[in-house]
Amino acid sequence: MTSAFAPGLELARRFYADEVAPLLRTTLDGVPNSAALIGLGSEVQSFDTVRSTDHAWGPRLQIFLNRDNFQSCRDDLDAVLDRELPSEFGGYPVRFPFPDSTPPRHWAHILDLDAYFSGILDADPAGGLSTREWLKAPTQTLRELTGGAVFHDGLGRLEEYRRSLTWYPDDVWRYILACQWMRLDQEEPFVGRCGEVGDDLGSAVVAARQVRDLMKLCLLMGRVYPPYSKWLGTAFSALPCAGALTPSLTAALAATSWQERERHLTVAYEFVAGMHNELGLTEPLDTKVRYFHSRPFLVLDARRFSHALVATVTDPDLEDLPYVGAFDQFVDSTDMIGTDRRRRYLR
């Protein structure tokens, strides 16, 4: 094992150019193919570190073929790769197990392009996703399909599919933003209400939920798909707003009284409300916090932003939908982000 860490995307790019591409040229003899590193893995998001190399790590990529060529070429190509690829590349093993209990194998993975995308999305990418199909796709999945890098697109469709998934259609985006604002609205007064009855732990839990939803809202405003929890803070820290917001969010989490939590959260609420106005998606809204009815709890009354956004939506498929949103706005389960489990559940 090399002592010098090589980011996974860089390693995969060199592995393709030096080892895989020459074998594809001779073995496939002109059969169109595409190659990339997308899908699962911290390296696809450029979030990998030395820690990432402790399991299931090495040079890897996907080789995509048309359906007919996949059926006719897969076995022979896999045998050539298994026979001809070196044991190591860049100081890392070319063959490694995943999961750990399985036999080691090379990870130049041969796939049917259309089956790969349709299997993950449960939709045909060639025809474009419908409104409901967009809402069924977890943001982590959309990050995985649009992250990473394409090394070669001889099929001429891989880059097109990825471009089509770069961001939501405008009306879908507005609806998802509206639902994220509603998540904030539903729990705004509970930081104070829990604290008022002596439930400081409950108040802290609600504050943490509000911080998480604010971070996701900022990512959605910035047209960045929020990742799942392991990388949420990392992705948020790259946003232009992170420098201004992080002190308030961090202070809200560290606070030891509900009044202090509320004070830091209200600063964050007003800042993010200003970000909404800067987007110009609705008429400007009042960004100042106010008391929750006659109770002594300060809130933004975030549903105002939800209602304003929904009023701008014209897609008939979004009419009369509840403020539930996309899949991972109402399902908080890491397992359900996984394609196989999600598909079984939805069916």
Protein backbone atom coordinates (compact mmCIF):
# COMPACT_ATOMS: atom_id res chain seq x y z
CA MET A 1 0.00 0.00 0.00
CA THR A 2 1.37 3.39 -0.96
CA SER A 3 1.94 5.95 1.75
CA ALA A 4 0.93 8.81 -0.55
CA PHE A 5 -2.84 9.23 -0.76
CA ALA A 6 -4.28 9.45 -4.28
CA PRO A 7 -7.85 10.77 -4.50
CA GLY A 8 -10.07 8.13 -6.00
CA LEU A 9 -11.11 10.12 -9.07
CA GLU A 10 -7.51 10.87 -9.95
CA LEU A 11 -6.57 7.22 -9.43
CA ALA A 12 -9.48 6.04 -11.59
CA ARG A 13 -8.66 8.50 -14.37
CA ARG A 14 -5.06 7.29 -14.57
CA PHE A 15 -6.13 3.65 -14.27
CA TYR A 16 -8.47 4.08 -17.23
CA ALA A 17 -5.91 5.85 -19.41
CA ASP A 18 -2.95 3.59 -18.62
CA GLU A 19 -4.52 0.15 -18.18
CA VAL A 20 -8.19 -0.12 -19.13
CA ALA A 21 -8.47 1.95 -22.31
CA PRO A 22 -5.73 0.01 -24.17
CA LEU A 23 -7.46 -3.29 -23.32
CA LEU A 24 -10.82 -1.94 -24.49
CA ARG A 25 -9.35 -0.85 -27.81
CA THR A 26 -7.91 -4.27 -28.59
CA THR A 27 -10.66 -6.43 -27.09
CA LEU A 28 -13.77 -4.55 -28.22
CA ASP A 29 -12.34 -3.81 -31.68
CA GLY A 30 -14.45 -0.73 -32.35
CA VAL A 31 -17.51 -1.64 -30.28
CA PRO A 32 -18.77 1.68 -28.86
CA ASN A 33 -18.30 2.07 -25.14
CA SER A 34 -18.21 4.70 -22.42
CA ALA A 35 -16.20 4.77 -19.21
CA ALA A 36 -16.65 6.72 -15.99
CA LEU A 37 -16.50 6.64 -12.23
CA ILE A 38 -19.97 7.50 -10.95
CA GLY A 39 -22.41 6.05 -8.43
CA LEU A 40 -21.48 4.90 -4.93
CA GLY A 41 -18.37 5.99 -3.08
CA SER A 42 -16.98 9.02 -1.30
CA GLU A 43 -14.47 9.48 -4.13
CA VAL A 44 -17.34 10.11 -6.56
CA GLN A 45 -18.22 13.16 -4.44
CA SER A 46 -14.53 14.12 -4.01
CA PHE A 47 -15.02 13.67 -0.28
CA ASP A 48 -12.53 10.80 0.06
CA THR A 49 -9.55 10.95 2.44
CA VAL A 50 -6.86 8.55 3.60
CA ARG A 51 -9.49 7.02 5.89
CA SER A 52 -11.44 5.95 2.81
CA THR A 53 -8.66 3.54 1.81
CA ASP A 54 -9.18 1.21 4.78
CA HIS A 55 -11.67 -1.01 2.95
CA ALA A 56 -13.14 -1.58 -0.53
CA TRP A 57 -10.52 0.72 -1.99
CA GLY A 58 -8.51 0.65 -5.17
CA PRO A 59 -8.62 1.75 -8.80
CA ARG A 60 -12.13 1.25 -10.11
CA LEU A 61 -14.52 2.50 -12.79
CA GLN A 62 -17.52 1.50 -14.88
CA ILE A 63 -17.44 0.43 -18.53
CA PHE A 64 -20.78 1.01 -20.25
CA LEU A 65 -22.02 -0.81 -23.35
CA ASN A 66 -25.21 -0.84 -25.40
CA ARG A 67 -27.66 -3.55 -24.41
CA ASP A 68 -26.87 -5.91 -27.29
CA ASN A 69 -23.13 -5.48 -26.97
CA PHE A 70 -23.36 -5.93 -23.22
CA GLN A 71 -24.96 -9.33 -23.70
CA SER A 72 -22.48 -10.45 -26.37
CA CYS A 73 -19.25 -8.91 -25.05
CA ARG A 74 -19.52 -8.86 -21.26
CA ASP A 75 -18.12 -12.29 -20.40
CA ASP A 76 -15.18 -12.19 -22.83
CA LEU A 77 -14.28 -8.63 -21.87
CA ASP A 78 -14.45 -9.43 -18.17
CA ALA A 79 -12.16 -12.42 -18.68
CA VAL A 80 -9.62 -10.28 -20.54
CA LEU A 81 -9.67 -7.63 -17.83
CA ASP A 82 -9.29 -10.24 -15.12
CA ARG A 83 -6.34 -11.81 -16.95
CA GLU A 84 -4.55 -8.70 -18.18
CA LEU A 85 -5.00 -6.06 -15.50
CA PRO A 86 -2.03 -5.76 -13.13
CA SER A 87 -2.21 -6.77 -9.49
CA GLU A 88 -1.54 -3.20 -8.35
CA PHE A 89 -1.87 0.28 -9.76
CA GLY A 90 -0.63 3.47 -8.16
CA GLY A 91 0.30 1.48 -5.07
CA TYR A 92 -3.24 0.15 -4.55
CA PRO A 93 -4.56 -3.37 -5.21
CA VAL A 94 -6.52 -3.71 -8.44
CA ARG A 95 -8.46 -6.68 -7.04
CA PHE A 96 -10.18 -6.17 -3.70
CA PRO A 97 -13.30 -7.48 -1.93
CA PHE A 98 -16.55 -5.59 -1.50
CA PRO A 99 -18.18 -6.38 0.85
CA ASP A 100 -15.17 -7.44 2.89
CA SER A 101 -16.34 -11.05 3.19
CA THR A 102 -16.47 -11.61 -0.60
CA PRO A 103 -13.62 -12.83 -2.84
CA PRO A 104 -11.37 -10.12 -4.31
CA ARG A 105 -12.14 -9.07 -7.89
CA HIS A 106 -11.21 -6.30 -10.28
CA TRP A 107 -13.52 -3.31 -10.31
CA ALA A 108 -13.57 -2.33 -13.95
CA HIS A 109 -17.28 -3.06 -13.81
CA ILE A 110 -19.02 -3.81 -17.15
CA LEU A 111 -22.59 -2.52 -17.35
CA ASP A 112 -25.54 -2.00 -19.69
CA LEU A 113 -25.82 1.81 -19.79
CA ASP A 114 -29.60 2.08 -20.00
CA ALA A 115 -30.22 -0.71 -17.49
CA TYR A 116 -27.83 0.97 -15.05
CA PHE A 117 -29.63 4.31 -15.09
CA SER A 118 -33.15 2.90 -15.26
CA GLY A 119 -32.35 0.46 -12.46
CA ILE A 120 -31.19 3.22 -10.14
CA LEU A 121 -33.89 5.74 -11.07
CA ASP A 122 -36.71 3.27 -11.70
CA ALA A 123 -37.30 5.39 -14.79
CA ASP A 124 -36.06 5.61 -18.38
CA PRO A 125 -33.51 8.44 -18.61
CA ALA A 126 -33.73 8.50 -22.40
CA GLY A 127 -37.25 9.89 -22.26
CA GLY A 128 -36.60 12.33 -19.45
CA LEU A 129 -37.99 11.99 -15.95
CA SER A 130 -41.61 12.83 -15.25
CA THR A 131 -42.50 15.09 -12.35
CA ARG A 132 -43.37 12.13 -10.14
CA GLU A 133 -40.15 10.33 -11.11
CA TRP A 134 -38.12 13.37 -10.08
CA LEU A 135 -39.85 13.36 -6.71
CA LYS A 136 -39.13 9.64 -6.21
CA ALA A 137 -35.37 10.09 -6.71
CA PRO A 138 -33.40 10.69 -3.48
CA THR A 139 -30.97 13.59 -3.68
CA GLN A 140 -28.12 11.25 -2.71
CA THR A 141 -28.93 9.15 -5.79
CA LEU A 142 -28.97 12.22 -8.03
CA ARG A 143 -25.59 13.26 -6.60
CA GLU A 144 -24.19 9.82 -7.36
CA LEU A 145 -25.36 9.87 -10.98
CA THR A 146 -24.15 13.42 -11.66
CA GLY A 147 -20.95 13.30 -9.58
CA GLY A 148 -17.63 11.68 -10.41
CA ALA A 149 -16.20 11.96 -13.91
CA VAL A 150 -16.64 10.57 -17.42
CA PHE A 151 -13.40 9.44 -19.01
CA HIS A 152 -14.79 8.52 -22.43
CA ASP A 153 -18.28 8.63 -23.95
CA GLY A 154 -18.14 6.61 -27.13
CA LEU A 155 -21.82 5.76 -26.74
CA GLY A 156 -22.69 9.45 -26.88
CA ARG A 157 -25.39 9.07 -24.22
CA LEU A 158 -23.68 8.96 -20.84
CA GLU A 159 -22.93 12.67 -20.72
CA GLU A 160 -26.43 13.43 -22.03
CA TYR A 161 -28.06 11.39 -19.26
CA ARG A 162 -25.94 13.10 -16.64
CA ARG A 163 -26.72 16.57 -18.01
CA SER A 164 -30.44 15.79 -17.92
CA LEU A 165 -30.14 15.06 -14.20
CA THR A 166 -28.00 18.08 -13.30
CA TRP A 167 -30.90 19.83 -11.56
CA TYR A 168 -34.65 19.70 -11.10
CA PRO A 169 -37.08 21.24 -13.60
CA ASP A 170 -38.00 24.71 -12.36
CA ASP A 171 -41.47 23.90 -11.04
CA VAL A 172 -40.22 20.78 -9.26
CA TRP A 173 -37.47 22.87 -7.65
CA ARG A 174 -39.98 25.46 -6.45
CA TYR A 175 -42.23 22.76 -4.99
CA ILE A 176 -39.31 21.07 -3.20
CA LEU A 177 -38.17 24.42 -1.78
CA ALA A 178 -41.71 25.07 -0.58
CA CYS A 179 -41.76 21.72 1.21
CA GLN A 180 -38.40 22.38 2.83
CA TRP A 181 -39.65 25.72 4.17
CA MET A 182 -42.70 23.90 5.53
CA ARG A 183 -40.48 21.46 7.41
CA LEU A 184 -38.97 24.45 9.21
CA ASP A 185 -42.36 26.00 9.89
CA GLN A 186 -43.74 22.86 11.48
CA GLU A 187 -41.21 22.85 14.33
CA GLU A 188 -40.14 26.51 14.71
CA PRO A 189 -41.97 27.18 18.00
CA PHE A 190 -41.04 23.85 19.59
CA VAL A 191 -37.54 24.94 20.60
CA GLY A 192 -39.16 27.32 23.07
CA ARG A 193 -42.21 25.25 23.93
CA CYS A 194 -40.14 22.21 24.90
CA GLY A 195 -37.83 24.40 26.96
CA GLU A 196 -40.71 26.15 28.69
CA VAL A 197 -41.95 22.87 30.18
CA GLY A 198 -38.48 21.86 31.32
CA ASP A 199 -37.70 19.52 28.43
CA ASP A 200 -34.27 20.88 27.57
CA LEU A 201 -33.25 17.69 25.79
CA GLY A 202 -36.34 17.87 23.59
CA SER A 203 -35.59 21.54 22.86
CA ALA A 204 -32.03 20.64 21.83
CA VAL A 205 -33.28 17.85 19.56
CA VAL A 206 -35.71 20.19 17.81
CA ALA A 207 -32.96 22.81 17.40
CA ALA A 208 -30.69 20.21 15.82
CA ARG A 209 -33.47 19.22 13.40
CA GLN A 210 -33.96 22.87 12.47
CA VAL A 211 -30.23 23.27 11.84
CA ARG A 212 -30.22 20.23 9.58
CA ASP A 213 -33.24 21.46 7.64
CA LEU A 214 -31.71 24.92 7.26
CA MET A 215 -28.54 23.36 5.85
CA LYS A 216 -30.55 21.30 3.38
CA LEU A 217 -32.61 24.35 2.43
CA CYS A 218 -29.44 26.31 1.68
CA LEU A 219 -28.13 23.50 -0.51
CA LEU A 220 -31.42 23.33 -2.39
CA MET A 221 -31.40 27.11 -2.84
CA GLY A 222 -27.89 26.83 -4.25
CA ARG A 223 -28.97 24.12 -6.70
CA VAL A 224 -26.87 21.50 -4.94
CA TYR A 225 -28.35 18.09 -4.18
CA PRO A 226 -28.05 17.52 -0.41
CA PRO A 227 -26.07 14.35 0.39
CA TYR A 228 -27.00 11.94 3.11
CA SER A 229 -25.96 12.67 6.69
CA LYS A 230 -22.28 11.64 6.53
CA TRP A 231 -21.48 14.37 4.01
CA LEU A 232 -24.17 16.98 4.73
CA GLY A 233 -21.86 19.28 6.69
CA THR A 234 -19.05 18.87 4.17
CA ALA A 235 -21.31 19.81 1.26
CA PHE A 236 -22.83 22.70 3.20
CA SER A 237 -19.40 24.10 4.08
CA ALA A 238 -18.67 24.62 0.37
CA LEU A 239 -21.67 26.95 -0.11
CA PRO A 240 -21.06 30.73 -0.36
CA CYS A 241 -23.44 31.26 2.58
CA ALA A 242 -21.64 28.85 4.91
CA GLY A 243 -19.21 31.41 6.31
CA ALA A 244 -22.03 33.69 7.45
CA LEU A 245 -24.38 30.96 8.68
CA THR A 246 -22.08 28.45 10.35
CA PRO A 247 -21.45 30.52 13.52
CA SER A 248 -25.18 30.85 14.22
CA LEU A 249 -25.91 27.19 13.47
CA THR A 250 -22.99 26.00 15.56
CA ALA A 251 -23.99 28.26 18.45
CA ALA A 252 -27.57 26.99 18.33
CA LEU A 253 -26.29 23.43 18.69
CA ALA A 254 -23.94 24.34 21.54
CA ALA A 255 -26.49 26.40 23.49
CA THR A 256 -27.54 25.25 26.95
CA SER A 257 -30.90 27.02 27.19
CA TRP A 258 -33.87 27.31 24.88
CA GLN A 259 -33.64 31.10 24.88
CA GLU A 260 -30.07 30.92 23.60
CA ARG A 261 -30.98 28.33 20.96
CA GLU A 262 -33.85 30.51 19.79
CA ARG A 263 -31.64 33.59 19.62
CA HIS A 264 -29.10 31.91 17.32
CA LEU A 265 -31.74 30.21 15.20
CA THR A 266 -33.61 33.45 14.57
CA VAL A 267 -30.42 34.99 13.19
CA ALA A 268 -30.15 32.03 10.82
CA TYR A 269 -33.84 32.20 9.87
CA GLU A 270 -33.59 35.85 8.89
CA PHE A 271 -30.40 35.30 6.92
CA VAL A 272 -31.88 32.41 4.92
CA ALA A 273 -35.08 34.39 4.35
CA GLY A 274 -32.90 37.08 2.77
CA MET A 275 -31.34 34.41 0.54
CA HIS A 276 -34.83 33.48 -0.63
CA ASN A 277 -35.56 37.05 -1.64
CA GLU A 278 -32.28 37.24 -3.55
CA LEU A 279 -33.34 34.26 -5.68
CA GLY A 280 -36.25 36.29 -7.06
CA LEU A 281 -38.55 33.26 -7.25
CA THR A 282 -41.39 35.15 -5.52
CA GLU A 283 -42.19 38.69 -4.58
CA PRO A 284 -39.93 39.81 -1.68
CA LEU A 285 -41.16 38.60 1.71
CA ASP A 286 -40.65 40.09 5.16
CA THR A 287 -37.52 38.49 6.60
CA LYS A 288 -38.05 39.50 10.23
CA VAL A 289 -39.00 37.01 12.94
CA ARG A 290 -42.16 37.51 14.95
CA TYR A 291 -43.90 35.97 17.93
CA PHE A 292 -45.79 32.71 17.46
CA HIS A 293 -49.37 33.93 17.89
CA SER A 294 -49.55 35.25 21.46
CA ARG A 295 -46.84 32.94 22.76
CA PRO A 296 -43.36 34.21 23.70
CA PHE A 297 -41.53 32.20 21.03
CA LEU A 298 -39.86 33.89 18.07
CA VAL A 299 -40.43 32.30 14.67
CA LEU A 300 -40.05 33.26 11.03
CA ASP A 301 -43.49 31.86 10.15
CA ALA A 302 -41.76 29.95 7.37
CA ARG A 303 -44.98 28.74 5.77
CA ARG A 304 -45.23 32.20 4.18
CA PHE A 305 -42.33 31.19 1.96
CA SER A 306 -43.93 27.83 1.20
CA HIS A 307 -47.19 29.41 0.11
CA ALA A 308 -45.47 32.07 -1.98
CA LEU A 309 -43.41 29.45 -3.83
CA VAL A 310 -46.32 27.10 -4.50
CA ALA A 311 -48.29 30.05 -5.91
CA THR A 312 -45.69 30.31 -8.70
CA VAL A 313 -45.90 26.62 -9.71
CA THR A 314 -47.77 25.88 -12.95
CA ASP A 315 -47.04 22.16 -13.45
CA PRO A 316 -50.45 20.41 -13.20
CA ASP A 317 -48.77 17.28 -11.80
CA LEU A 318 -47.83 19.30 -8.71
CA GLU A 319 -51.29 20.75 -8.14
CA ASP A 320 -52.94 19.74 -4.89
CA LEU A 321 -49.92 17.77 -3.66
CA PRO A 322 -49.40 18.08 0.10
CA TYR A 323 -46.30 19.83 1.44
CA VAL A 324 -44.46 16.53 1.62
CA GLY A 325 -41.93 17.01 -1.15
CA ALA A 326 -39.37 14.70 -2.68
CA PHE A 327 -38.55 11.23 -1.39
CA ASP A 328 -35.93 12.12 1.18
CA GLN A 329 -37.91 15.04 2.54
CA PHE A 330 -40.38 12.58 4.04
CA VAL A 331 -38.34 9.37 4.38
CA ASP A 332 -35.49 9.62 6.85
CA SER A 333 -33.85 6.24 6.40
CA THR A 334 -30.38 5.59 5.02
CA ASP A 335 -31.50 2.11 3.91
CA MET A 336 -34.31 3.58 1.83
CA ILE A 337 -31.83 5.67 -0.13
CA GLY A 338 -30.52 2.37 -1.51
CA THR A 339 -32.02 1.59 -4.89
CA ASP A 340 -33.09 -2.02 -4.33
CA ARG A 341 -34.81 -1.38 -1.02
CA ARG A 342 -36.51 1.76 -2.32
CA ARG A 343 -37.86 0.02 -5.39
CA ARG A 344 -39.26 -2.87 -3.36
CA TYR A 345 -40.92 -0.42 -0.99
CA LEU A 346 -42.45 1.77 -3.70
CA ARG A 347 -43.91 -1.24 -5.46
